[in-house]
PDB file of N, CA and C in Angstrom:
ATOM      1  N   UNK A   1       0.840  -1.175   0.000  1.00  0.00           N
ATOM      2  CA  UNK A   1       0.000   0.000   0.000  1.00  0.00           C
ATOM      3  C   UNK A   1       0.890   1.245   0.000  1.00  0.00           C
ATOM      4  N   UNK A   2       0.478   2.250  -0.766  1.00  0.00           N
ATOM      5  CA  UNK A   2       1.184   3.523  -0.868  1.00  0.00           C
ATOM      6  C   UNK A   2       0.237   4.639  -0.426  1.00  0.00           C
ATOM      7  N   UNK A   3       0.038   4.791   0.880  1.00  0.00           N
ATOM      8  CA  UNK A   3      -1.000   5.702   1.366  1.00  0.00           C
ATOM      9  C   UNK A   3      -0.606   7.181   1.374  1.00  0.00           C
ATOM     10  N   UNK A   4      -1.649   8.004   1.308  1.00  0.00           N
ATOM     11  CA  UNK A   4      -1.528   9.444   1.513  1.00  0.00           C
ATOM     12  C   UNK A   4      -2.836   9.910   2.132  1.00  0.00           C
ATOM     13  N   UNK A   5      -2.842  11.139   2.651  1.00  0.00           N
ATOM     14  CA  UNK A   5      -4.023  11.665   3.333  1.00  0.00           C
ATOM     15  C   UNK A   5      -4.428  12.985   2.680  1.00  0.00           C
ATOM     16  N   UNK A   6      -5.724  13.148   2.461  1.00  0.00           N
ATOM     17  CA  UNK A   6      -6.290  14.418   2.017  1.00  0.00           C
ATOM     18  C   UNK A   6      -6.944  15.043   3.234  1.00  0.00           C
ATOM     19  N   UNK A   7      -6.472  16.225   3.635  1.00  0.00           N
ATOM     20  CA  UNK A   7      -6.994  16.936   4.804  1.00  0.00           C
ATOM     21  C   UNK A   7      -7.909  18.048   4.306  1.00  0.00           C
ATOM     22  N   UNK A   8      -9.122  18.119   4.860  1.00  0.00           N
ATOM     23  CA  UNK A   8     -10.084  19.130   4.444  1.00  0.00           C
ATOM     24  C   UNK A   8     -10.615  19.859   5.663  1.00  0.00           C
ATOM     25  N   UNK A   9     -10.562  21.182   5.603  1.00  0.00           N
ATOM     26  CA  UNK A   9     -11.101  22.034   6.654  1.00  0.00           C
ATOM     27  C   UNK A   9     -11.983  23.070   5.961  1.00  0.00           C
ATOM     28  N   UNK A  10     -13.279  22.884   6.087  1.00  0.00           N
ATOM     29  CA  UNK A  10     -14.259  23.693   5.335  1.00  0.00           C
ATOM     30  C   UNK A  10     -13.961  23.561   3.853  1.00  0.00           C
ATOM     31  N   UNK A  11     -13.596  24.630   3.169  1.00  0.00           N
ATOM     32  CA  UNK A  11     -13.344  24.563   1.728  1.00  0.00           C
ATOM     33  C   UNK A  11     -11.858  24.430   1.393  1.00  0.00           C
ATOM     34  N   UNK A  12     -10.995  24.414   2.404  1.00  0.00           N
ATOM     35  CA  UNK A  12      -9.558  24.305   2.182  1.00  0.00           C
ATOM     36  C   UNK A  12      -9.145  22.831   2.174  1.00  0.00           C
ATOM     37  N   UNK A  13      -8.315  22.466   1.215  1.00  0.00           N
ATOM     38  CA  UNK A  13      -7.883  21.081   1.108  1.00  0.00           C
ATOM     39  C   UNK A  13      -6.384  21.029   0.884  1.00  0.00           C
ATOM     40  N   UNK A  14      -5.726  20.092   1.581  1.00  0.00           N
ATOM     41  CA  UNK A  14      -4.298  19.866   1.404  1.00  0.00           C
ATOM     42  C   UNK A  14      -4.057  18.365   1.355  1.00  0.00           C
ATOM     43  N   UNK A  15      -2.947  17.988   0.744  1.00  0.00           N
ATOM     44  CA  UNK A  15      -2.632  16.570   0.559  1.00  0.00           C
ATOM     45  C   UNK A  15      -1.248  16.276   1.105  1.00  0.00           C
ATOM     46  N   UNK A  16      -1.136  15.174   1.839  1.00  0.00           N
ATOM     47  CA  UNK A  16       0.170  14.751   2.344  1.00  0.00           C
ATOM     48  C   UNK A  16       0.971  14.125   1.212  1.00  0.00           C
ATOM     49  N   UNK A  17       2.209  13.833   1.504  1.00  0.00           N
ATOM     50  CA  UNK A  17       3.021  13.087   0.554  1.00  0.00           C
ATOM     51  C   UNK A  17       2.577  11.627   0.560  1.00  0.00           C
ATOM     52  N   UNK A  18       2.935  10.908  -0.475  1.00  0.00           N
ATOM     53  CA  UNK A  18       2.651   9.475  -0.564  1.00  0.00           C
ATOM     54  C   UNK A  18       3.796   8.740   0.116  1.00  0.00           C
ATOM     55  N   UNK A  19       3.469   7.810   1.009  1.00  0.00           N
ATOM     56  CA  UNK A  19       4.508   7.002   1.658  1.00  0.00           C
ATOM     57  C   UNK A  19       4.600   5.666   0.926  1.00  0.00           C
ATOM     58  N   UNK A  20       5.443   5.632  -0.085  1.00  0.00           N
ATOM     59  CA  UNK A  20       5.577   4.454  -0.937  1.00  0.00           C
ATOM     60  C   UNK A  20       6.002   3.223  -0.154  1.00  0.00           C
ATOM     61  N   UNK A  21       5.260   2.138  -0.348  1.00  0.00           N
ATOM     62  CA  UNK A  21       5.593   0.866   0.276  1.00  0.00           C
ATOM     63  C   UNK A  21       5.429   0.835   1.781  1.00  0.00           C
ATOM     64  N   UNK A  22       4.677   1.764   2.356  1.00  0.00           N
ATOM     65  CA  UNK A  22       4.537   1.843   3.811  1.00  0.00           C
ATOM     66  C   UNK A  22       3.555   0.821   4.359  1.00  0.00           C
ATOM     67  N   UNK A  23       2.788   0.179   3.499  1.00  0.00           N
ATOM     68  CA  UNK A  23       1.826  -0.810   3.965  1.00  0.00           C
ATOM     69  C   UNK A  23       0.764  -0.190   4.841  1.00  0.00           C
ATOM     70  N   UNK A  24       0.395  -0.892   5.901  1.00  0.00           N
ATOM     71  CA  UNK A  24      -0.665  -0.406   6.791  1.00  0.00           C
ATOM     72  C   UNK A  24      -0.118   0.362   7.986  1.00  0.00           C
ATOM     73  N   UNK A  25       1.192   0.680   7.972  1.00  0.00           N
ATOM     74  CA  UNK A  25       1.796   1.415   9.079  1.00  0.00           C
ATOM     75  C   UNK A  25       2.596   2.627   8.581  1.00  0.00           C
ATOM     76  N   UNK A  26       1.950   3.510   7.804  1.00  0.00           N
ATOM     77  CA  UNK A  26       2.678   4.669   7.282  1.00  0.00           C
ATOM     78  C   UNK A  26       2.929   5.705   8.370  1.00  0.00           C
ATOM     79  N   UNK A  27       3.902   6.555   8.129  1.00  0.00           N
ATOM     80  CA  UNK A  27       4.166   7.654   9.052  1.00  0.00           C
ATOM     81  C   UNK A  27       4.469   8.900   8.242  1.00  0.00           C
ATOM     82  N   UNK A  28       3.772   9.973   8.570  1.00  0.00           N
ATOM     83  CA  UNK A  28       4.008  11.271   7.948  1.00  0.00           C
ATOM     84  C   UNK A  28       4.471  12.200   9.055  1.00  0.00           C
ATOM     85  N   UNK A  29       5.472  12.972   8.779  1.00  0.00           N
ATOM     86  CA  UNK A  29       5.920  13.996   9.719  1.00  0.00           C
ATOM     87  C   UNK A  29       5.832  15.316   8.961  1.00  0.00           C
ATOM     88  N   UNK A  30       4.587  15.757   8.753  1.00  0.00           N
ATOM     89  CA  UNK A  30       4.335  16.924   7.929  1.00  0.00           C
ATOM     90  C   UNK A  30       3.488  17.931   8.696  1.00  0.00           C
ATOM     91  N   UNK A  31       3.601  19.190   8.313  1.00  0.00           N
ATOM     92  CA  UNK A  31       2.820  20.257   8.916  1.00  0.00           C
ATOM     93  C   UNK A  31       1.919  20.855   7.854  1.00  0.00           C
ATOM     94  N   UNK A  32       0.654  21.062   8.214  1.00  0.00           N
ATOM     95  CA  UNK A  32      -0.317  21.676   7.319  1.00  0.00           C
ATOM     96  C   UNK A  32      -0.917  22.878   8.031  1.00  0.00           C
ATOM     97  N   UNK A  33      -1.042  23.979   7.334  1.00  0.00           N
ATOM     98  CA  UNK A  33      -1.593  25.194   7.930  1.00  0.00           C
ATOM     99  C   UNK A  33      -2.893  25.553   7.218  1.00  0.00           C
ATOM    100  N   UNK A  34      -3.936  25.764   8.019  1.00  0.00           N
ATOM    101  CA  UNK A  34      -5.245  26.166   7.526  1.00  0.00           C
ATOM    102  C   UNK A  34      -5.652  27.460   8.219  1.00  0.00           C
ATOM    103  N   UNK A  35      -6.383  28.297   7.522  1.00  0.00           N
ATOM    104  CA  UNK A  35      -6.986  29.473   8.134  1.00  0.00           C
ATOM    105  C   UNK A  35      -8.368  29.055   8.611  1.00  0.00           C
ATOM    106  N   UNK A  36      -8.639  29.256   9.900  1.00  0.00           N
ATOM    107  CA  UNK A  36      -9.898  28.785  10.485  1.00  0.00           C
ATOM    108  C   UNK A  36     -10.535  29.870  11.343  1.00  0.00           C
ATOM    109  N   UNK A  37     -11.785  29.645  11.695  1.00  0.00           N
ATOM    110  CA  UNK A  37     -12.468  30.500  12.666  1.00  0.00           C
ATOM    111  C   UNK A  37     -13.024  29.597  13.751  1.00  0.00           C
ATOM    112  N   UNK A  38     -13.460  30.207  14.861  1.00  0.00           N
ATOM    113  CA  UNK A  38     -13.910  29.379  15.981  1.00  0.00           C
ATOM    114  C   UNK A  38     -15.208  28.628  15.698  1.00  0.00           C
ATOM    115  N   UNK A  39     -15.840  28.892  14.558  1.00  0.00           N
ATOM    116  CA  UNK A  39     -17.024  28.114  14.208  1.00  0.00           C
ATOM    117  C   UNK A  39     -16.699  27.004  13.199  1.00  0.00           C
ATOM    118  N   UNK A  40     -15.404  26.721  13.013  1.00  0.00           N
ATOM    119  CA  UNK A  40     -14.989  25.604  12.167  1.00  0.00           C
ATOM    120  C   UNK A  40     -15.095  24.346  13.019  1.00  0.00           C
ATOM    121  N   UNK A  41     -16.045  23.457  12.701  1.00  0.00           N
ATOM    122  CA  UNK A  41     -16.314  22.340  13.612  1.00  0.00           C
ATOM    123  C   UNK A  41     -15.321  21.190  13.577  1.00  0.00           C
ATOM    124  N   UNK A  42     -14.721  20.905  12.403  1.00  0.00           N
ATOM    125  CA  UNK A  42     -13.900  19.704  12.340  1.00  0.00           C
ATOM    126  C   UNK A  42     -12.898  19.750  11.197  1.00  0.00           C
ATOM    127  N   UNK A  43     -11.938  18.863  11.315  1.00  0.00           N
ATOM    128  CA  UNK A  43     -10.970  18.583  10.265  1.00  0.00           C
ATOM    129  C   UNK A  43     -11.327  17.201   9.741  1.00  0.00           C
ATOM    130  N   UNK A  44     -11.439  17.062   8.436  1.00  0.00           N
ATOM    131  CA  UNK A  44     -11.758  15.767   7.832  1.00  0.00           C
ATOM    132  C   UNK A  44     -10.518  15.199   7.162  1.00  0.00           C
ATOM    133  N   UNK A  45     -10.271  13.921   7.397  1.00  0.00           N
ATOM    134  CA  UNK A  45      -9.146  13.222   6.797  1.00  0.00           C
ATOM    135  C   UNK A  45      -9.674  12.101   5.918  1.00  0.00           C
ATOM    136  N   UNK A  46      -9.149  12.008   4.726  1.00  0.00           N
ATOM    137  CA  UNK A  46      -9.500  10.909   3.827  1.00  0.00           C
ATOM    138  C   UNK A  46      -8.195  10.199   3.497  1.00  0.00           C
ATOM    139  N   UNK A  47      -8.085   8.923   3.881  1.00  0.00           N
ATOM    140  CA  UNK A  47      -6.883   8.148   3.638  1.00  0.00           C
ATOM    141  C   UNK A  47      -7.057   7.414   2.318  1.00  0.00           C
ATOM    142  N   UNK A  48      -6.063   7.563   1.457  1.00  0.00           N
ATOM    143  CA  UNK A  48      -6.120   6.983   0.118  1.00  0.00           C
ATOM    144  C   UNK A  48      -4.887   6.115  -0.110  1.00  0.00           C
ATOM    145  N   UNK A  49      -5.007   5.185  -1.078  1.00  0.00           N
ATOM    146  CA  UNK A  49      -3.891   4.350  -1.501  1.00  0.00           C
ATOM    147  C   UNK A  49      -3.583   4.731  -2.947  1.00  0.00           C
ATOM    148  N   UNK A  50      -2.383   5.232  -3.185  1.00  0.00           N
ATOM    149  CA  UNK A  50      -1.984   5.673  -4.515  1.00  0.00           C
ATOM    150  C   UNK A  50      -1.745   4.467  -5.422  1.00  0.00           C
ATOM    151  N   UNK A  51      -2.409   4.469  -6.571  1.00  0.00           N
ATOM    152  CA  UNK A  51      -2.238   3.415  -7.570  1.00  0.00           C
ATOM    153  C   UNK A  51      -1.953   4.056  -8.922  1.00  0.00           C
ATOM    154  N   UNK A  52      -1.447   3.268  -9.855  1.00  0.00           N
ATOM    155  CA  UNK A  52      -1.099   3.775 -11.177  1.00  0.00           C
ATOM    156  C   UNK A  52      -2.336   4.292 -11.909  1.00  0.00           C
ATOM    157  N   UNK A  53      -3.433   3.555 -11.849  1.00  0.00           N
ATOM    158  CA  UNK A  53      -4.639   3.961 -12.576  1.00  0.00           C
ATOM    159  C   UNK A  53      -5.554   4.812 -11.705  1.00  0.00           C
ATOM    160  N   UNK A  54      -6.238   4.199 -10.769  1.00  0.00           N
ATOM    161  CA  UNK A  54      -7.137   4.927  -9.869  1.00  0.00           C
ATOM    162  C   UNK A  54      -6.709   4.715  -8.429  1.00  0.00           C
ATOM    163  N   UNK A  55      -6.700   5.796  -7.644  1.00  0.00           N
ATOM    164  CA  UNK A  55      -6.381   5.680  -6.223  1.00  0.00           C
ATOM    165  C   UNK A  55      -7.555   5.048  -5.491  1.00  0.00           C
ATOM    166  N   UNK A  56      -7.247   4.229  -4.490  1.00  0.00           N
ATOM    167  CA  UNK A  56      -8.284   3.533  -3.721  1.00  0.00           C
ATOM    168  C   UNK A  56      -8.553   4.255  -2.411  1.00  0.00           C
ATOM    169  N   UNK A  57      -9.831   4.346  -2.052  1.00  0.00           N
ATOM    170  CA  UNK A  57     -10.258   4.911  -0.782  1.00  0.00           C
ATOM    171  C   UNK A  57     -10.013   3.874   0.307  1.00  0.00           C
ATOM    172  N   UNK A  58      -9.257   4.249   1.352  1.00  0.00           N
ATOM    173  CA  UNK A  58      -8.942   3.341   2.454  1.00  0.00           C
ATOM    174  C   UNK A  58      -9.894   3.565   3.623  1.00  0.00           C
ATOM    175  N   UNK A  59     -10.130   4.831   3.979  1.00  0.00           N
ATOM    176  CA  UNK A  59     -11.006   5.153   5.102  1.00  0.00           C
ATOM    177  C   UNK A  59     -10.954   6.637   5.380  1.00  0.00           C
ATOM    178  N   UNK A  60     -11.739   7.058   6.388  1.00  0.00           N
ATOM    179  CA  UNK A  60     -11.785   8.477   6.719  1.00  0.00           C
ATOM    180  C   UNK A  60     -11.938   8.671   8.222  1.00  0.00           C
ATOM    181  N   UNK A  61     -11.556   9.870   8.659  1.00  0.00           N
ATOM    182  CA  UNK A  61     -11.679  10.228  10.069  1.00  0.00           C
ATOM    183  C   UNK A  61     -12.107  11.687  10.149  1.00  0.00           C
ATOM    184  N   UNK A  62     -12.895  12.008  11.167  1.00  0.00           N
ATOM    185  CA  UNK A  62     -13.305  13.386  11.433  1.00  0.00           C
ATOM    186  C   UNK A  62     -12.779  13.776  12.805  1.00  0.00           C
ATOM    187  N   UNK A  63     -12.061  14.889  12.867  1.00  0.00           N
ATOM    188  CA  UNK A  63     -11.451  15.344  14.103  1.00  0.00           C
ATOM    189  C   UNK A  63     -12.165  16.616  14.559  1.00  0.00           C
ATOM    190  N   UNK A  64     -12.903  16.565  15.691  1.00  0.00           N
ATOM    191  CA  UNK A  64     -13.537  17.779  16.210  1.00  0.00           C
ATOM    192  C   UNK A  64     -12.458  18.780  16.632  1.00  0.00           C
ATOM    193  N   UNK A  65     -12.681  20.061  16.377  1.00  0.00           N
ATOM    194  CA  UNK A  65     -11.656  21.075  16.644  1.00  0.00           C
ATOM    195  C   UNK A  65     -11.891  21.899  17.902  1.00  0.00           C
ATOM    196  N   UNK A  66     -13.028  21.738  18.559  1.00  0.00           N
ATOM    197  CA  UNK A  66     -13.344  22.551  19.734  1.00  0.00           C
ATOM    198  C   UNK A  66     -12.257  22.469  20.801  1.00  0.00           C
ATOM    199  N   UNK A  67     -11.766  21.273  21.102  1.00  0.00           N
ATOM    200  CA  UNK A  67     -10.753  21.103  22.154  1.00  0.00           C
ATOM    201  C   UNK A  67      -9.444  21.814  21.813  1.00  0.00           C
ATOM    202  N   UNK A  68      -9.014  21.765  20.557  1.00  0.00           N
ATOM    203  CA  UNK A  68      -7.757  22.432  20.192  1.00  0.00           C
ATOM    204  C   UNK A  68      -7.918  23.952  20.243  1.00  0.00           C
ATOM    205  N   UNK A  69      -9.115  24.471  19.954  1.00  0.00           N
ATOM    206  CA  UNK A  69      -9.355  25.911  20.091  1.00  0.00           C
ATOM    207  C   UNK A  69      -9.247  26.318  21.563  1.00  0.00           C
ATOM    208  N   UNK A  70      -9.768  25.496  22.470  1.00  0.00           N
ATOM    209  CA  UNK A  70      -9.751  25.813  23.897  1.00  0.00           C
ATOM    210  C   UNK A  70      -8.366  25.638  24.513  1.00  0.00           C
ATOM    211  N   UNK A  71      -7.680  24.563  24.149  1.00  0.00           N
ATOM    212  CA  UNK A  71      -6.400  24.228  24.775  1.00  0.00           C
ATOM    213  C   UNK A  71      -5.197  24.863  24.083  1.00  0.00           C
ATOM    214  N   UNK A  72      -5.319  25.187  22.821  1.00  0.00           N
ATOM    215  CA  UNK A  72      -4.197  25.736  22.061  1.00  0.00           C
ATOM    216  C   UNK A  72      -3.407  24.681  21.315  1.00  0.00           C
ATOM    217  N   UNK A  73      -3.286  23.492  21.897  1.00  0.00           N
ATOM    218  CA  UNK A  73      -2.627  22.380  21.214  1.00  0.00           C
ATOM    219  C   UNK A  73      -3.080  21.069  21.838  1.00  0.00           C
ATOM    220  N   UNK A  74      -2.996  20.031  21.070  1.00  0.00           N
ATOM    221  CA  UNK A  74      -3.328  18.688  21.545  1.00  0.00           C
ATOM    222  C   UNK A  74      -2.168  17.770  21.189  1.00  0.00           C
ATOM    223  N   UNK A  75      -1.733  16.928  22.119  1.00  0.00           N
ATOM    224  CA  UNK A  75      -0.642  15.997  21.831  1.00  0.00           C
ATOM    225  C   UNK A  75      -1.117  14.968  20.803  1.00  0.00           C
ATOM    226  N   UNK A  76      -0.193  14.171  20.264  1.00  0.00           N
ATOM    227  CA  UNK A  76      -0.620  13.136  19.318  1.00  0.00           C
ATOM    228  C   UNK A  76      -1.725  12.283  19.935  1.00  0.00           C
ATOM    229  N   UNK A  77      -2.845  12.243  19.239  1.00  0.00           N
ATOM    230  CA  UNK A  77      -4.040  11.547  19.716  1.00  0.00           C
ATOM    231  C   UNK A  77      -4.529  10.599  18.632  1.00  0.00           C
ATOM    232  N   UNK A  78      -4.953   9.415  19.029  1.00  0.00           N
ATOM    233  CA  UNK A  78      -5.449   8.408  18.092  1.00  0.00           C
ATOM    234  C   UNK A  78      -6.913   8.685  17.773  1.00  0.00           C
ATOM    235  N   UNK A  79      -7.240   8.636  16.486  1.00  0.00           N
ATOM    236  CA  UNK A  79      -8.610   8.832  16.013  1.00  0.00           C
ATOM    237  C   UNK A  79      -9.008   7.630  15.162  1.00  0.00           C
ATOM    238  N   UNK A  80     -10.238   7.137  15.317  1.00  0.00           N
ATOM    239  CA  UNK A  80     -10.668   5.981  14.533  1.00  0.00           C
ATOM    240  C   UNK A  80     -10.834   6.330  13.055  1.00  0.00           C
ATOM    241  N   UNK A  81     -10.473   5.386  12.206  1.00  0.00           N
ATOM    242  CA  UNK A  81     -10.673   5.505  10.764  1.00  0.00           C
ATOM    243  C   UNK A  81     -11.789   4.534  10.399  1.00  0.00           C
ATOM    244  N   UNK A  82     -12.759   5.021   9.646  1.00  0.00           N
ATOM    245  CA  UNK A  82     -13.891   4.188   9.265  1.00  0.00           C
ATOM    246  C   UNK A  82     -14.041   4.158   7.747  1.00  0.00           C
ATOM    247  N   UNK A  83     -14.619   3.069   7.278  1.00  0.00           N
ATOM    248  CA  UNK A  83     -14.964   2.922   5.864  1.00  0.00           C
ATOM    249  C   UNK A  83     -16.331   2.269   5.826  1.00  0.00           C
ATOM    250  N   UNK A  84     -17.270   2.932   5.172  1.00  0.00           N
ATOM    251  CA  UNK A  84     -18.656   2.455   5.120  1.00  0.00           C
ATOM    252  C   UNK A  84     -19.190   2.200   6.528  1.00  0.00           C
ATOM    253  N   UNK A  85     -18.909   3.139   7.426  1.00  0.00           N
ATOM    254  CA  UNK A  85     -19.369   3.137   8.818  1.00  0.00           C
ATOM    255  C   UNK A  85     -18.806   1.996   9.662  1.00  0.00           C
ATOM    256  N   UNK A  86     -17.749   1.330   9.180  1.00  0.00           N
ATOM    257  CA  UNK A  86     -17.112   0.251   9.940  1.00  0.00           C
ATOM    258  C   UNK A  86     -15.675   0.645  10.265  1.00  0.00           C
ATOM    259  N   UNK A  87     -15.262   0.371  11.500  1.00  0.00           N
ATOM    260  CA  UNK A  87     -13.900   0.642  11.950  1.00  0.00           C
ATOM    261  C   UNK A  87     -12.916  -0.143  11.090  1.00  0.00           C
ATOM    262  N   UNK A  88     -11.876   0.555  10.600  1.00  0.00           N
ATOM    263  CA  UNK A  88     -10.870  -0.150   9.792  1.00  0.00           C
ATOM    264  C   UNK A  88      -9.445   0.225  10.182  1.00  0.00           C
ATOM    265  N   UNK A  89      -9.282   0.935  11.300  1.00  0.00           N
ATOM    266  CA  UNK A  89      -7.949   1.294  11.755  1.00  0.00           C
ATOM    267  C   UNK A  89      -7.971   2.606  12.503  1.00  0.00           C
ATOM    268  N   UNK A  90      -6.804   3.202  12.651  1.00  0.00           N
ATOM    269  CA  UNK A  90      -6.722   4.471  13.361  1.00  0.00           C
ATOM    270  C   UNK A  90      -5.574   5.302  12.818  1.00  0.00           C
ATOM    271  N   UNK A  91      -5.653   6.596  13.099  1.00  0.00           N
ATOM    272  CA  UNK A  91      -4.619   7.527  12.690  1.00  0.00           C
ATOM    273  C   UNK A  91      -4.299   8.415  13.890  1.00  0.00           C
ATOM    274  N   UNK A  92      -3.006   8.686  14.090  1.00  0.00           N
ATOM    275  CA  UNK A  92      -2.582   9.513  15.218  1.00  0.00           C
ATOM    276  C   UNK A  92      -2.187  10.885  14.676  1.00  0.00           C
ATOM    277  N   UNK A  93      -2.693  11.929  15.349  1.00  0.00           N
ATOM    278  CA  UNK A  93      -2.527  13.287  14.849  1.00  0.00           C
ATOM    279  C   UNK A  93      -2.351  14.257  15.996  1.00  0.00           C
ATOM    280  N   UNK A  94      -1.390  15.173  15.882  1.00  0.00           N
ATOM    281  CA  UNK A  94      -1.216  16.256  16.858  1.00  0.00           C
ATOM    282  C   UNK A  94      -1.713  17.545  16.213  1.00  0.00           C
ATOM    283  N   UNK A  95      -2.323  18.424  17.012  1.00  0.00           N
ATOM    284  CA  UNK A  95      -2.862  19.683  16.498  1.00  0.00           C
ATOM    285  C   UNK A  95      -2.371  20.858  17.318  1.00  0.00           C
ATOM    286  N   UNK A  96      -2.133  21.971  16.646  1.00  0.00           N
ATOM    287  CA  UNK A  96      -1.773  23.219  17.312  1.00  0.00           C
ATOM    288  C   UNK A  96      -2.606  24.332  16.701  1.00  0.00           C
ATOM    289  N   UNK A  97      -3.168  25.178  17.552  1.00  0.00           N
ATOM    290  CA  UNK A  97      -3.958  26.323  17.093  1.00  0.00           C
ATOM    291  C   UNK A  97      -3.232  27.598  17.468  1.00  0.00           C
ATOM    292  N   UNK A  98      -3.049  28.471  16.504  1.00  0.00           N
ATOM    293  CA  UNK A  98      -2.446  29.778  16.746  1.00  0.00           C
ATOM    294  C   UNK A  98      -3.551  30.821  16.622  1.00  0.00           C
ATOM    295  N   UNK A  99      -3.939  31.489  17.724  1.00  0.00           N
ATOM    296  CA  UNK A  99      -5.032  32.465  17.665  1.00  0.00           C
ATOM    297  C   UNK A  99      -4.719  33.636  16.747  1.00  0.00           C
ATOM    298  N   UNK A 100      -5.763  34.337  16.394  1.00  0.00           N
ATOM    299  CA  UNK A 100      -5.631  35.495  15.510  1.00  0.00           C
ATOM    300  C   UNK A 100      -4.632  36.497  16.069  1.00  0.00           C
ATOM    301  N   UNK A 101      -3.820  37.031  15.194  1.00  0.00           N
ATOM    302  CA  UNK A 101      -2.834  38.047  15.549  1.00  0.00           C
ATOM    303  C   UNK A 101      -3.139  39.273  14.705  1.00  0.00           C
ATOM    304  N   UNK A 102      -3.228  40.409  15.346  1.00  0.00           N
ATOM    305  CA  UNK A 102      -3.465  41.638  14.594  1.00  0.00           C
ATOM    306  C   UNK A 102      -2.236  41.946  13.755  1.00  0.00           C
ATOM    307  N   UNK A 103      -2.481  42.249  12.500  1.00  0.00           N
ATOM    308  CA  UNK A 103      -1.400  42.609  11.589  1.00  0.00           C
ATOM    309  C   UNK A 103      -1.748  43.921  10.900  1.00  0.00           C
ATOM    310  N   UNK A 104      -0.752  44.562  10.390  1.00  0.00           N
ATOM    311  CA  UNK A 104      -0.975  45.797   9.631  1.00  0.00           C
ATOM    312  C   UNK A 104      -0.813  45.485   8.151  1.00  0.00           C
ATOM    313  N   UNK A 105      -1.810  45.837   7.394  1.00  0.00           N
ATOM    314  CA  UNK A 105      -1.721  45.676   5.954  1.00  0.00           C
ATOM    315  C   UNK A 105      -1.060  46.927   5.373  1.00  0.00           C
ATOM    316  N   UNK A 106      -0.548  46.819   4.168  1.00  0.00           N
ATOM    317  CA  UNK A 106       0.096  47.990   3.559  1.00  0.00           C
ATOM    318  C   UNK A 106      -0.809  49.216   3.490  1.00  0.00           C
ATOM    319  N   UNK A 107      -2.122  49.009   3.386  1.00  0.00           N
ATOM    320  CA  UNK A 107      -3.034  50.157   3.309  1.00  0.00           C
ATOM    321  C   UNK A 107      -3.455  50.643   4.700  1.00  0.00           C
ATOM    322  N   UNK A 108      -2.728  50.169   5.753  1.00  0.00           N
ATOM    323  CA  UNK A 108      -2.961  50.551   7.149  1.00  0.00           C
ATOM    324  C   UNK A 108      -4.279  50.043   7.734  1.00  0.00           C
ATOM    325  N   UNK A 109      -4.917  49.089   7.086  1.00  0.00           N
ATOM    326  CA  UNK A 109      -6.099  48.457   7.667  1.00  0.00           C
ATOM    327  C   UNK A 109      -5.628  47.306   8.532  1.00  0.00           C
ATOM    328  N   UNK A 110      -6.331  47.078   9.650  1.00  0.00           N
ATOM    329  CA  UNK A 110      -5.978  45.950  10.502  1.00  0.00           C
ATOM    330  C   UNK A 110      -6.572  44.681   9.930  1.00  0.00           C
ATOM    331  N   UNK A 111      -5.887  43.573  10.115  1.00  0.00           N
ATOM    332  CA  UNK A 111      -6.384  42.284   9.673  1.00  0.00           C
ATOM    333  C   UNK A 111      -6.130  41.254  10.749  1.00  0.00           C
ATOM    334  N   UNK A 112      -6.687  40.081  10.585  1.00  0.00           N
ATOM    335  CA  UNK A 112      -6.451  39.000  11.527  1.00  0.00           C
ATOM    336  C   UNK A 112      -6.042  37.762  10.756  1.00  0.00           C
ATOM    337  N   UNK A 113      -5.345  36.893  11.447  1.00  0.00           N
ATOM    338  CA  UNK A 113      -4.883  35.657  10.846  1.00  0.00           C
ATOM    339  C   UNK A 113      -5.004  34.547  11.871  1.00  0.00           C
ATOM    340  N   UNK A 114      -5.672  33.471  11.518  1.00  0.00           N
ATOM    341  CA  UNK A 114      -5.802  32.319  12.396  1.00  0.00           C
ATOM    342  C   UNK A 114      -5.341  31.090  11.628  1.00  0.00           C
ATOM    343  N   UNK A 115      -4.649  30.194  12.304  1.00  0.00           N
ATOM    344  CA  UNK A 115      -4.226  28.974  11.631  1.00  0.00           C
ATOM    345  C   UNK A 115      -4.005  27.888  12.653  1.00  0.00           C
ATOM    346  N   UNK A 116      -3.880  26.663  12.176  1.00  0.00           N
ATOM    347  CA  UNK A 116      -3.445  25.533  13.011  1.00  0.00           C
ATOM    348  C   UNK A 116      -2.693  24.595  12.116  1.00  0.00           C
ATOM    349  N   UNK A 117      -1.852  23.788  12.742  1.00  0.00           N
ATOM    350  CA  UNK A 117      -1.084  22.826  11.954  1.00  0.00           C
ATOM    351  C   UNK A 117      -0.978  21.533  12.683  1.00  0.00           C
TER     352      UNK A 117
END
């Protein structure tokens, strides 16, 4: 198996690298940054297997974000992966939330920036 993960937060989507030949025990040490607001309910993960013709769907996980907004960061935590509503494994993920920081734009208007990785 050559797995990769598609991470989706509202309309933003990012893709991990493919871990060639990793089988059912892949490891990614990657950082993804999304712009979010406190009403963003979850991060969705879709685990895929890269193939020459069509990639295969392995499973998916939904990570609620309320706790990371409150705590600021969460240590690596195991989340269940499901396929067709059946448990098929787990994925471990650490989250960090960086609250909005006031910035100055060139036109002297204030802006905010929120992200997590």
